[in-house]
Amino acid sequence: MELTAIEIGQRIHKLRDQDVILDYDLANFYTIETKYLKRAVRRNLDRFPNDFMFELTRDELTLLRYQIGTSKYFDVLSNTRYLPLAFTELGVSMLSGLLTSPKAIEINIAIMRAFVQLRHALKNPIAKNEVEIDSRLRVVEEKTDVISELERKINLLLMRSEQQISSMIDVGKIKKVVTLGKGSDSRVMGKRSDSRIDDIQRLVAEYYGLHSKDLESRSRKKFAVLPRQIAMYLIRKHIGLSLREIGNLFGKKDHTTVLHAQRTIGNAAKQNRKFIEALEDIERQLLG
């Protein structure tokens, strides 16, 4: 299966103010064992100065853990005999002289393209801001299991509270009133409606020449990301769904992803005149 720039980009980390890929990930890309990659590099250390490759310190490995979050991936990195090696774009380029199989050459080309795409993205102020925000959100997204456990405990407490007061008030009626009340300030409607959600997804997709299903995919390509963020923003604005509920509509995205979309579109709607006109055009069709 062809390796995509998105898959490679997910394994590019920021260490010592440089974008690097770890030896473990490179070995996985090349479909070889990490020890063979390390062996080839250590036999040719004169080709890898510090701006090409460096060995992580224990402190950097701990810092990386906060970037990645608690996961099996980090456990693999920390349970090896030797500290991981980090390769910059120059280091990956030098590897092409050591690993010359057709597979390795193909992978090296894909990795170099991923580095170039990342560099171009960071030249764009808006894209750079999004990359920085995404990196900060990554820690939160990796710890959703903790959030889910807290949510479970809160729901359990609420359920017990409901049981205690059920003899005094009709909890069912209260839930109905609260549900109807959410989003009552919306110009579209005062209650949730699957048909209106479909309308928003369809209008946004059509405006950008896409299908509604494209908005539900996990693709991070720009042609799909912006329309998806706009649809999330409009559903939140006009229907009042929670962040988690909106995330579930778009391929079970995490609530932090939805929150990032709200901020991104909200900021763009204040600063970019053309974007404001596009947003207003979609809303006119929605309200028409």
C-alpha atoms as a PDB file:
ATOM      1  CA  MET A   1       0.000   0.000   0.000  1.00  0.00           C
ATOM      2  CA  GLU A   2       1.350   3.437  -0.948  1.00  0.00           C
ATOM      3  CA  LEU A   3       2.531   5.580   1.961  1.00  0.00           C
ATOM      4  CA  THR A   4       0.734   8.946   2.054  1.00  0.00           C
ATOM      5  CA  ALA A   5       2.071  12.346   3.112  1.00  0.00           C
ATOM      6  CA  ILE A   6      -0.561  12.418   5.873  1.00  0.00           C
ATOM      7  CA  GLU A   7       0.689   9.152   7.365  1.00  0.00           C
ATOM      8  CA  ILE A   8       4.277  10.390   7.248  1.00  0.00           C
ATOM      9  CA  GLY A   9       3.323  13.805   8.646  1.00  0.00           C
ATOM     10  CA  GLN A  10       1.770  12.145  11.700  1.00  0.00           C
ATOM     11  CA  ARG A  11       5.236  10.772  12.548  1.00  0.00           C
ATOM     12  CA  ILE A  12       7.135  14.048  12.165  1.00  0.00           C
ATOM     13  CA  HIS A  13       7.965  15.515  15.587  1.00  0.00           C
ATOM     14  CA  LYS A  14       9.470  18.802  16.737  1.00  0.00           C
ATOM     15  CA  LEU A  15      12.736  18.346  18.691  1.00  0.00           C
ATOM     16  CA  ARG A  16      15.602  20.835  19.142  1.00  0.00           C
ATOM     17  CA  ASP A  17      13.629  23.262  16.958  1.00  0.00           C
ATOM     18  CA  GLN A  18      13.818  20.824  14.051  1.00  0.00           C
ATOM     19  CA  ASP A  19      11.288  18.577  12.320  1.00  0.00           C
ATOM     20  CA  VAL A  20      12.472  15.000  12.713  1.00  0.00           C
ATOM     21  CA  ILE A  21      11.395  11.400  12.153  1.00  0.00           C
ATOM     22  CA  LEU A  22      12.474   8.692  14.603  1.00  0.00           C
ATOM     23  CA  ASP A  23      14.407   5.574  13.591  1.00  0.00           C
ATOM     24  CA  TYR A  24      11.527   3.349  14.745  1.00  0.00           C
ATOM     25  CA  ASP A  25       9.099   5.030  12.337  1.00  0.00           C
ATOM     26  CA  LEU A  26      11.604   5.043   9.473  1.00  0.00           C
ATOM     27  CA  ALA A  27      12.200   1.322   9.975  1.00  0.00           C
ATOM     28  CA  ASN A  28       8.440   0.734   9.855  1.00  0.00           C
ATOM     29  CA  PHE A  29       8.208   2.747   6.641  1.00  0.00           C
ATOM     30  CA  TYR A  30      11.082   0.735   5.125  1.00  0.00           C
ATOM     31  CA  THR A  31       9.565  -2.527   6.528  1.00  0.00           C
ATOM     32  CA  ILE A  32      12.818  -3.499   8.228  1.00  0.00           C
ATOM     33  CA  GLU A  33      13.750  -3.970  11.879  1.00  0.00           C
ATOM     34  CA  THR A  34      14.963  -0.880  13.728  1.00  0.00           C
ATOM     35  CA  LYS A  35      18.211  -2.583  14.757  1.00  0.00           C
ATOM     36  CA  TYR A  36      19.229  -2.993  11.098  1.00  0.00           C
ATOM     37  CA  LEU A  37      18.621   0.697  10.422  1.00  0.00           C
ATOM     38  CA  LYS A  38      20.666   1.687  13.502  1.00  0.00           C
ATOM     39  CA  ARG A  39      23.458  -0.672  12.461  1.00  0.00           C
ATOM     40  CA  ALA A  40      23.686   0.824   8.973  1.00  0.00           C
ATOM     41  CA  VAL A  41      23.795   4.358  10.413  1.00  0.00           C
ATOM     42  CA  ARG A  42      26.396   3.597  13.100  1.00  0.00           C
ATOM     43  CA  ARG A  43      28.682   2.070  10.476  1.00  0.00           C
ATOM     44  CA  ASN A  44      28.528   5.387   8.578  1.00  0.00           C
ATOM     45  CA  LEU A  45      28.448   7.967  11.387  1.00  0.00           C
ATOM     46  CA  ASP A  46      30.718  10.313   9.430  1.00  0.00           C
ATOM     47  CA  ARG A  47      27.798  10.845   7.029  1.00  0.00           C
ATOM     48  CA  PHE A  48      25.442  11.977   9.791  1.00  0.00           C
ATOM     49  CA  PRO A  49      26.516  15.197  11.581  1.00  0.00           C
ATOM     50  CA  ASN A  50      24.235  16.619  14.271  1.00  0.00           C
ATOM     51  CA  ASP A  51      22.086  18.562  11.816  1.00  0.00           C
ATOM     52  CA  PHE A  52      21.411  15.293   9.965  1.00  0.00           C
ATOM     53  CA  MET A  53      20.839  12.943  12.884  1.00  0.00           C
ATOM     54  CA  PHE A  54      21.074  12.925  16.678  1.00  0.00           C
ATOM     55  CA  GLU A  55      20.355  10.543  19.528  1.00  0.00           C
ATOM     56  CA  LEU A  56      17.576  11.591  21.900  1.00  0.00           C
ATOM     57  CA  THR A  57      18.381  12.241  25.551  1.00  0.00           C
ATOM     58  CA  ARG A  58      16.219  10.853  28.335  1.00  0.00           C
ATOM     59  CA  ASP A  59      14.752  14.325  28.865  1.00  0.00           C
ATOM     60  CA  GLU A  60      13.866  14.590  25.170  1.00  0.00           C
ATOM     61  CA  LEU A  61      12.239  11.164  25.304  1.00  0.00           C
ATOM     62  CA  THR A  62      10.114  12.393  28.217  1.00  0.00           C
ATOM     63  CA  LEU A  63       9.226  15.564  26.270  1.00  0.00           C
ATOM     64  CA  LEU A  64       8.256  13.409  23.322  1.00  0.00           C
ATOM     65  CA  ARG A  65       5.929  11.484  25.585  1.00  0.00           C
ATOM     66  CA  TYR A  66       3.983  14.679  26.296  1.00  0.00           C
ATOM     67  CA  GLN A  67       3.778  15.360  22.549  1.00  0.00           C
ATOM     68  CA  ILE A  68       2.582  11.852  21.744  1.00  0.00           C
ATOM     69  CA  GLY A  69       0.602  11.046  24.879  1.00  0.00           C
ATOM     70  CA  THR A  70       0.451   7.739  26.720  1.00  0.00           C
ATOM     71  CA  SER A  71       0.263   5.013  24.111  1.00  0.00           C
ATOM     72  CA  LYS A  72       1.656   1.664  22.979  1.00  0.00           C
ATOM     73  CA  TYR A  73       3.726   3.644  20.483  1.00  0.00           C
ATOM     74  CA  PHE A  74       5.631   5.411  23.246  1.00  0.00           C
ATOM     75  CA  ASP A  75       6.016   2.168  25.225  1.00  0.00           C
ATOM     76  CA  VAL A  76       7.868   0.671  22.246  1.00  0.00           C
ATOM     77  CA  LEU A  77      10.204   3.686  22.106  1.00  0.00           C
ATOM     78  CA  SER A  78      10.990   3.701  25.826  1.00  0.00           C
ATOM     79  CA  ASN A  79      11.474  -0.065  26.237  1.00  0.00           C
ATOM     80  CA  THR A  80      14.329  -0.401  23.745  1.00  0.00           C
ATOM     81  CA  ARG A  81      17.945  -0.957  24.815  1.00  0.00           C
ATOM     82  CA  TYR A  82      19.181   2.169  23.033  1.00  0.00           C
ATOM     83  CA  LEU A  83      17.700   5.652  22.885  1.00  0.00           C
ATOM     84  CA  PRO A  84      15.940   6.489  19.590  1.00  0.00           C
ATOM     85  CA  LEU A  85      17.749   8.259  16.766  1.00  0.00           C
ATOM     86  CA  ALA A  86      16.064  11.320  15.248  1.00  0.00           C
ATOM     87  CA  PHE A  87      16.606  12.136  11.558  1.00  0.00           C
ATOM     88  CA  THR A  88      16.105  15.570  10.034  1.00  0.00           C
ATOM     89  CA  GLU A  89      15.168  16.087   6.397  1.00  0.00           C
ATOM     90  CA  LEU A  90      18.891  16.109   5.540  1.00  0.00           C
ATOM     91  CA  GLY A  91      19.412  12.873   7.439  1.00  0.00           C
ATOM     92  CA  VAL A  92      16.595  11.133   5.583  1.00  0.00           C
ATOM     93  CA  SER A  93      18.146  12.302   2.336  1.00  0.00           C
ATOM     94  CA  MET A  94      21.511  10.823   3.380  1.00  0.00           C
ATOM     95  CA  LEU A  95      19.832   7.495   4.174  1.00  0.00           C
ATOM     96  CA  SER A  96      19.001   7.162   0.498  1.00  0.00           C
ATOM     97  CA  GLY A  97      22.712   6.527  -0.066  1.00  0.00           C
ATOM     98  CA  LEU A  98      22.721   3.640   2.411  1.00  0.00           C
ATOM     99  CA  LEU A  99      19.371   1.992   1.707  1.00  0.00           C
ATOM    100  CA  THR A 100      19.174   1.463  -2.025  1.00  0.00           C
ATOM    101  CA  SER A 101      16.424  -1.116  -2.469  1.00  0.00           C
ATOM    102  CA  PRO A 102      13.498  -0.075  -4.726  1.00  0.00           C
ATOM    103  CA  LYS A 103      11.228  -0.035  -1.664  1.00  0.00           C
ATOM    104  CA  ALA A 104      13.601   2.224   0.309  1.00  0.00           C
ATOM    105  CA  ILE A 105      13.971   4.632  -2.627  1.00  0.00           C
ATOM    106  CA  GLU A 106      10.181   4.861  -2.986  1.00  0.00           C
ATOM    107  CA  ILE A 107       9.765   5.521   0.741  1.00  0.00           C
ATOM    108  CA  ASN A 108      12.536   8.142   0.776  1.00  0.00           C
ATOM    109  CA  ILE A 109      10.868  10.063  -2.050  1.00  0.00           C
ATOM    110  CA  ALA A 110       7.541  10.050  -0.159  1.00  0.00           C
ATOM    111  CA  ILE A 111       9.216  11.232   3.062  1.00  0.00           C
ATOM    112  CA  MET A 112      11.082  14.074   1.323  1.00  0.00           C
ATOM    113  CA  ARG A 113       7.816  15.223  -0.240  1.00  0.00           C
ATOM    114  CA  ALA A 114       6.154  15.195   3.186  1.00  0.00           C
ATOM    115  CA  PHE A 115       8.906  17.422   4.597  1.00  0.00           C
ATOM    116  CA  VAL A 116       8.506  19.829   1.678  1.00  0.00           C
ATOM    117  CA  GLN A 117       4.713  19.979   2.148  1.00  0.00           C
ATOM    118  CA  LEU A 118       5.180  20.699   5.861  1.00  0.00           C
ATOM    119  CA  ARG A 119       7.671  23.470   5.101  1.00  0.00           C
ATOM    120  CA  HIS A 120       5.323  25.074   2.571  1.00  0.00           C
ATOM    121  CA  ALA A 121       2.420  24.865   5.018  1.00  0.00           C
ATOM    122  CA  LEU A 122       4.440  26.671   7.691  1.00  0.00           C
ATOM    123  CA  LYS A 123       5.128  29.564   5.293  1.00  0.00           C
ATOM    124  CA  ASN A 124       1.383  30.277   5.262  1.00  0.00           C
ATOM    125  CA  PRO A 125       0.518  32.223   8.472  1.00  0.00           C
ATOM    126  CA  ILE A 126      -2.943  30.655   8.750  1.00  0.00           C
ATOM    127  CA  ALA A 127      -1.670  27.150   8.067  1.00  0.00           C
ATOM    128  CA  LYS A 128       1.219  27.665  10.503  1.00  0.00           C
ATOM    129  CA  ASN A 129      -1.222  28.680  13.207  1.00  0.00           C
ATOM    130  CA  GLU A 130      -3.340  25.600  12.516  1.00  0.00           C
ATOM    131  CA  VAL A 131      -0.289  23.310  12.694  1.00  0.00           C
ATOM    132  CA  GLU A 132       0.725  24.798  16.039  1.00  0.00           C
ATOM    133  CA  ILE A 133      -2.795  24.436  17.428  1.00  0.00           C
ATOM    134  CA  ASP A 134      -3.051  20.869  16.141  1.00  0.00           C
ATOM    135  CA  SER A 135       0.202  19.943  17.884  1.00  0.00           C
ATOM    136  CA  ARG A 136      -1.122  21.321  21.161  1.00  0.00           C
ATOM    137  CA  LEU A 137      -4.421  19.527  20.743  1.00  0.00           C
ATOM    138  CA  ARG A 138      -2.679  16.244  20.005  1.00  0.00           C
ATOM    139  CA  VAL A 139      -1.849  15.771  23.705  1.00  0.00           C
ATOM    140  CA  VAL A 140      -5.487  16.281  24.635  1.00  0.00           C
ATOM    141  CA  GLU A 141      -6.731  13.966  21.905  1.00  0.00           C
ATOM    142  CA  GLU A 142      -4.366  11.203  23.040  1.00  0.00           C
ATOM    143  CA  LYS A 143      -5.890  11.341  26.528  1.00  0.00           C
ATOM    144  CA  THR A 144      -9.544  11.022  25.644  1.00  0.00           C
ATOM    145  CA  ASP A 145      -9.686   7.809  27.637  1.00  0.00           C
ATOM    146  CA  VAL A 146      -9.205   9.885  30.804  1.00  0.00           C
ATOM    147  CA  ILE A 147     -11.917  12.316  29.710  1.00  0.00           C
ATOM    148  CA  SER A 148     -14.269   9.439  28.915  1.00  0.00           C
ATOM    149  CA  GLU A 149     -13.698   7.907  32.345  1.00  0.00           C
ATOM    150  CA  LEU A 150     -14.458  11.238  34.048  1.00  0.00           C
ATOM    151  CA  GLU A 151     -17.572  11.594  31.908  1.00  0.00           C
ATOM    152  CA  ARG A 152     -18.693   8.087  32.900  1.00  0.00           C
ATOM    153  CA  LYS A 153     -18.296   8.884  36.598  1.00  0.00           C
ATOM    154  CA  ILE A 154     -20.177  12.185  36.226  1.00  0.00           C
ATOM    155  CA  ASN A 155     -23.029  10.424  34.419  1.00  0.00           C
ATOM    156  CA  LEU A 156     -23.128   7.837  37.192  1.00  0.00           C
ATOM    157  CA  LEU A 157     -23.418  10.583  39.801  1.00  0.00           C
ATOM    158  CA  LEU A 158     -26.150  12.308  37.802  1.00  0.00           C
ATOM    159  CA  MET A 159     -28.042   9.045  37.459  1.00  0.00           C
ATOM    160  CA  ARG A 160     -27.922   8.494  41.216  1.00  0.00           C
ATOM    161  CA  SER A 161     -29.093  12.056  41.793  1.00  0.00           C
ATOM    162  CA  GLU A 162     -32.012  11.526  39.416  1.00  0.00           C
ATOM    163  CA  GLN A 163     -33.012   8.391  41.264  1.00  0.00           C
ATOM    164  CA  GLN A 164     -33.008  10.271  44.562  1.00  0.00           C
ATOM    165  CA  ILE A 165     -35.243  13.091  43.332  1.00  0.00           C
ATOM    166  CA  SER A 166     -37.459  11.088  40.976  1.00  0.00           C
ATOM    167  CA  SER A 167     -40.128  10.816  43.652  1.00  0.00           C
ATOM    168  CA  MET A 168     -40.383  14.625  43.839  1.00  0.00           C
ATOM    169  CA  ILE A 169     -40.240  15.739  40.179  1.00  0.00           C
ATOM    170  CA  ASP A 170     -40.741  14.293  36.740  1.00  0.00           C
ATOM    171  CA  VAL A 171     -37.158  14.070  35.429  1.00  0.00           C
ATOM    172  CA  GLY A 172     -38.405  12.982  32.004  1.00  0.00           C
ATOM    173  CA  LYS A 173     -40.279  16.238  31.508  1.00  0.00           C
ATOM    174  CA  ILE A 174     -37.262  18.266  32.579  1.00  0.00           C
ATOM    175  CA  LYS A 175     -35.072  16.436  30.053  1.00  0.00           C
ATOM    176  CA  LYS A 176     -37.607  17.158  27.329  1.00  0.00           C
ATOM    177  CA  VAL A 177     -37.707  20.865  28.178  1.00  0.00           C
ATOM    178  CA  VAL A 178     -33.905  21.096  28.254  1.00  0.00           C
ATOM    179  CA  THR A 179     -33.595  19.292  24.913  1.00  0.00           C
ATOM    180  CA  LEU A 180     -36.127  21.588  23.263  1.00  0.00           C
ATOM    181  CA  GLY A 181     -34.498  24.628  24.830  1.00  0.00           C
ATOM    182  CA  LYS A 182     -31.009  23.952  23.477  1.00  0.00           C
ATOM    183  CA  GLY A 183     -30.333  26.057  20.423  1.00  0.00           C
ATOM    184  CA  SER A 184     -33.532  28.068  20.951  1.00  0.00           C
ATOM    185  CA  ASP A 185     -31.655  31.226  20.022  1.00  0.00           C
ATOM    186  CA  SER A 186     -30.896  29.777  16.601  1.00  0.00           C
ATOM    187  CA  ARG A 187     -32.314  31.528  13.555  1.00  0.00           C
ATOM    188  CA  VAL A 188     -32.915  28.167  11.903  1.00  0.00           C
ATOM    189  CA  MET A 189     -35.011  26.370  14.538  1.00  0.00           C
ATOM    190  CA  GLY A 190     -35.550  25.818  18.238  1.00  0.00           C
ATOM    191  CA  LYS A 191     -34.969  22.093  18.340  1.00  0.00           C
ATOM    192  CA  ARG A 192     -32.634  19.551  16.824  1.00  0.00           C
ATOM    193  CA  SER A 193     -33.502  18.160  13.421  1.00  0.00           C
ATOM    194  CA  ASP A 194     -31.703  15.487  11.447  1.00  0.00           C
ATOM    195  CA  SER A 195     -33.048  16.970   8.220  1.00  0.00           C
ATOM    196  CA  ARG A 196     -31.527  20.387   9.006  1.00  0.00           C
ATOM    197  CA  ILE A 197     -28.193  18.773   9.805  1.00  0.00           C
ATOM    198  CA  ASP A 198     -28.331  17.021   6.437  1.00  0.00           C
ATOM    199  CA  ASP A 199     -29.195  20.366   4.792  1.00  0.00           C
ATOM    200  CA  ILE A 200     -26.115  22.032   6.269  1.00  0.00           C
ATOM    201  CA  GLN A 201     -23.783  19.189   5.267  1.00  0.00           C
ATOM    202  CA  ARG A 202     -25.267  19.062   1.765  1.00  0.00           C
ATOM    203  CA  LEU A 203     -25.127  22.842   1.170  1.00  0.00           C
ATOM    204  CA  VAL A 204     -21.542  23.151   2.391  1.00  0.00           C
ATOM    205  CA  ALA A 205     -20.429  20.123   0.353  1.00  0.00           C
ATOM    206  CA  GLU A 206     -22.134  21.397  -2.814  1.00  0.00           C
ATOM    207  CA  TYR A 207     -20.669  24.885  -2.338  1.00  0.00           C
ATOM    208  CA  TYR A 208     -17.159  23.392  -2.421  1.00  0.00           C
ATOM    209  CA  GLY A 209     -17.908  20.800  -5.129  1.00  0.00           C
ATOM    210  CA  LEU A 210     -17.873  17.831  -2.754  1.00  0.00           C
ATOM    211  CA  HIS A 211     -20.256  15.124  -1.581  1.00  0.00           C
ATOM    212  CA  SER A 212     -21.636  15.037   1.974  1.00  0.00           C
ATOM    213  CA  LYS A 213     -19.738  11.782   2.548  1.00  0.00           C
ATOM    214  CA  ASP A 214     -16.453  13.626   1.930  1.00  0.00           C
ATOM    215  CA  LEU A 215     -17.098  15.684   5.062  1.00  0.00           C
ATOM    216  CA  GLU A 216     -17.413  12.531   7.166  1.00  0.00           C
ATOM    217  CA  SER A 217     -14.084  11.063   6.023  1.00  0.00           C
ATOM    218  CA  ARG A 218     -10.893  11.146   8.092  1.00  0.00           C
ATOM    219  CA  SER A 219      -8.965  12.936   5.360  1.00  0.00           C
ATOM    220  CA  ARG A 220      -6.840  15.878   6.516  1.00  0.00           C
ATOM    221  CA  LYS A 221      -6.375  17.229   3.001  1.00  0.00           C
ATOM    222  CA  LYS A 222      -7.169  20.922   2.779  1.00  0.00           C
ATOM    223  CA  PHE A 223      -9.929  20.486   0.188  1.00  0.00           C
ATOM    224  CA  ALA A 224     -11.919  18.490   2.764  1.00  0.00           C
ATOM    225  CA  VAL A 225     -10.762  20.089   6.033  1.00  0.00           C
ATOM    226  CA  LEU A 226     -12.128  23.608   5.459  1.00  0.00           C
ATOM    227  CA  PRO A 227     -15.643  22.557   4.306  1.00  0.00           C
ATOM    228  CA  ARG A 228     -15.815  20.111   7.227  1.00  0.00           C
ATOM    229  CA  GLN A 229     -14.889  22.879   9.673  1.00  0.00           C
ATOM    230  CA  ILE A 230     -17.531  25.186   8.167  1.00  0.00           C
ATOM    231  CA  ALA A 231     -20.227  22.489   8.472  1.00  0.00           C
ATOM    232  CA  MET A 232     -19.237  21.890  12.122  1.00  0.00           C
ATOM    233  CA  TYR A 233     -19.375  25.639  12.771  1.00  0.00           C
ATOM    234  CA  LEU A 234     -22.834  26.063  11.213  1.00  0.00           C
ATOM    235  CA  ILE A 235     -24.320  23.041  12.996  1.00  0.00           C
ATOM    236  CA  ARG A 236     -23.068  24.421  16.297  1.00  0.00           C
ATOM    237  CA  LYS A 237     -24.355  27.917  15.491  1.00  0.00           C
ATOM    238  CA  HIS A 238     -27.776  27.068  14.098  1.00  0.00           C
ATOM    239  CA  ILE A 239     -28.703  23.820  15.808  1.00  0.00           C
ATOM    240  CA  GLY A 240     -26.787  23.958  19.074  1.00  0.00           C
ATOM    241  CA  LEU A 241     -25.437  20.397  19.223  1.00  0.00           C
ATOM    242  CA  SER A 242     -22.670  19.702  21.717  1.00  0.00           C
ATOM    243  CA  LEU A 243     -19.063  19.381  20.544  1.00  0.00           C
ATOM    244  CA  ARG A 244     -19.122  15.624  21.089  1.00  0.00           C
ATOM    245  CA  GLU A 245     -22.404  15.225  19.188  1.00  0.00           C
ATOM    246  CA  ILE A 246     -21.027  17.209  16.251  1.00  0.00           C
ATOM    247  CA  GLY A 247     -17.859  15.119  16.267  1.00  0.00           C
ATOM    248  CA  ASN A 248     -19.935  11.946  16.013  1.00  0.00           C
ATOM    249  CA  LEU A 249     -21.561  13.310  12.845  1.00  0.00           C
ATOM    250  CA  PHE A 250     -18.176  13.638  11.150  1.00  0.00           C
ATOM    251  CA  GLY A 251     -16.560  10.228  11.474  1.00  0.00           C
ATOM    252  CA  LYS A 252     -16.527  10.277  15.296  1.00  0.00           C
ATOM    253  CA  LYS A 253     -14.085  13.177  15.494  1.00  0.00           C
ATOM    254  CA  ASP A 254     -12.876  14.121  18.978  1.00  0.00           C
ATOM    255  CA  HIS A 255     -14.565  17.114  20.645  1.00  0.00           C
ATOM    256  CA  THR A 256     -11.234  18.999  20.606  1.00  0.00           C
ATOM    257  CA  THR A 257     -11.219  18.757  16.802  1.00  0.00           C
ATOM    258  CA  VAL A 258     -14.685  20.335  16.730  1.00  0.00           C
ATOM    259  CA  LEU A 259     -13.564  23.047  19.156  1.00  0.00           C
ATOM    260  CA  HIS A 260     -10.597  23.814  16.894  1.00  0.00           C
ATOM    261  CA  ALA A 261     -13.003  24.113  13.937  1.00  0.00           C
ATOM    262  CA  GLN A 262     -15.200  26.577  15.858  1.00  0.00           C
ATOM    263  CA  ARG A 263     -12.213  28.793  16.654  1.00  0.00           C
ATOM    264  CA  THR A 264     -10.708  28.592  13.173  1.00  0.00           C
ATOM    265  CA  ILE A 265     -13.938  29.482  11.349  1.00  0.00           C
ATOM    266  CA  GLY A 266     -14.917  32.054  13.969  1.00  0.00           C
ATOM    267  CA  ASN A 267     -11.593  33.873  13.550  1.00  0.00           C
ATOM    268  CA  ALA A 268     -11.695  33.661   9.747  1.00  0.00           C
ATOM    269  CA  ALA A 269     -15.252  35.055   9.742  1.00  0.00           C
ATOM    270  CA  LYS A 270     -13.956  38.179  11.477  1.00  0.00           C
ATOM    271  CA  GLN A 271     -10.912  38.835   9.301  1.00  0.00           C
ATOM    272  CA  ASN A 272     -11.319  37.496   5.749  1.00  0.00           C
ATOM    273  CA  ARG A 273     -13.854  39.393   3.611  1.00  0.00           C
ATOM    274  CA  LYS A 274     -14.100  36.722   0.904  1.00  0.00           C
ATOM    275  CA  PHE A 275     -14.580  34.035   3.494  1.00  0.00           C
ATOM    276  CA  ILE A 276     -17.315  36.098   5.179  1.00  0.00           C
ATOM    277  CA  GLU A 277     -19.147  36.379   1.847  1.00  0.00           C
ATOM    278  CA  ALA A 278     -18.889  32.607   1.266  1.00  0.00           C
ATOM    279  CA  LEU A 279     -20.221  31.880   4.745  1.00  0.00           C
ATOM    280  CA  GLU A 280     -23.100  34.343   4.322  1.00  0.00           C
ATOM    281  CA  ASP A 281     -23.961  32.805   0.948  1.00  0.00           C
ATOM    282  CA  ILE A 282     -24.238  29.336   2.467  1.00  0.00           C
ATOM    283  CA  GLU A 283     -26.351  30.665   5.350  1.00  0.00           C
ATOM    284  CA  ARG A 284     -28.693  32.470   2.953  1.00  0.00           C
ATOM    285  CA  GLN A 285     -29.355  29.190   1.165  1.00  0.00           C
ATOM    286  CA  LEU A 286     -29.875  27.476   4.496  1.00  0.00           C
ATOM    287  CA  LEU A 287     -32.373  30.064   5.712  1.00  0.00           C
ATOM    288  CA  GLY A 288     -34.078  30.474   2.354  1.00  0.00           C
END
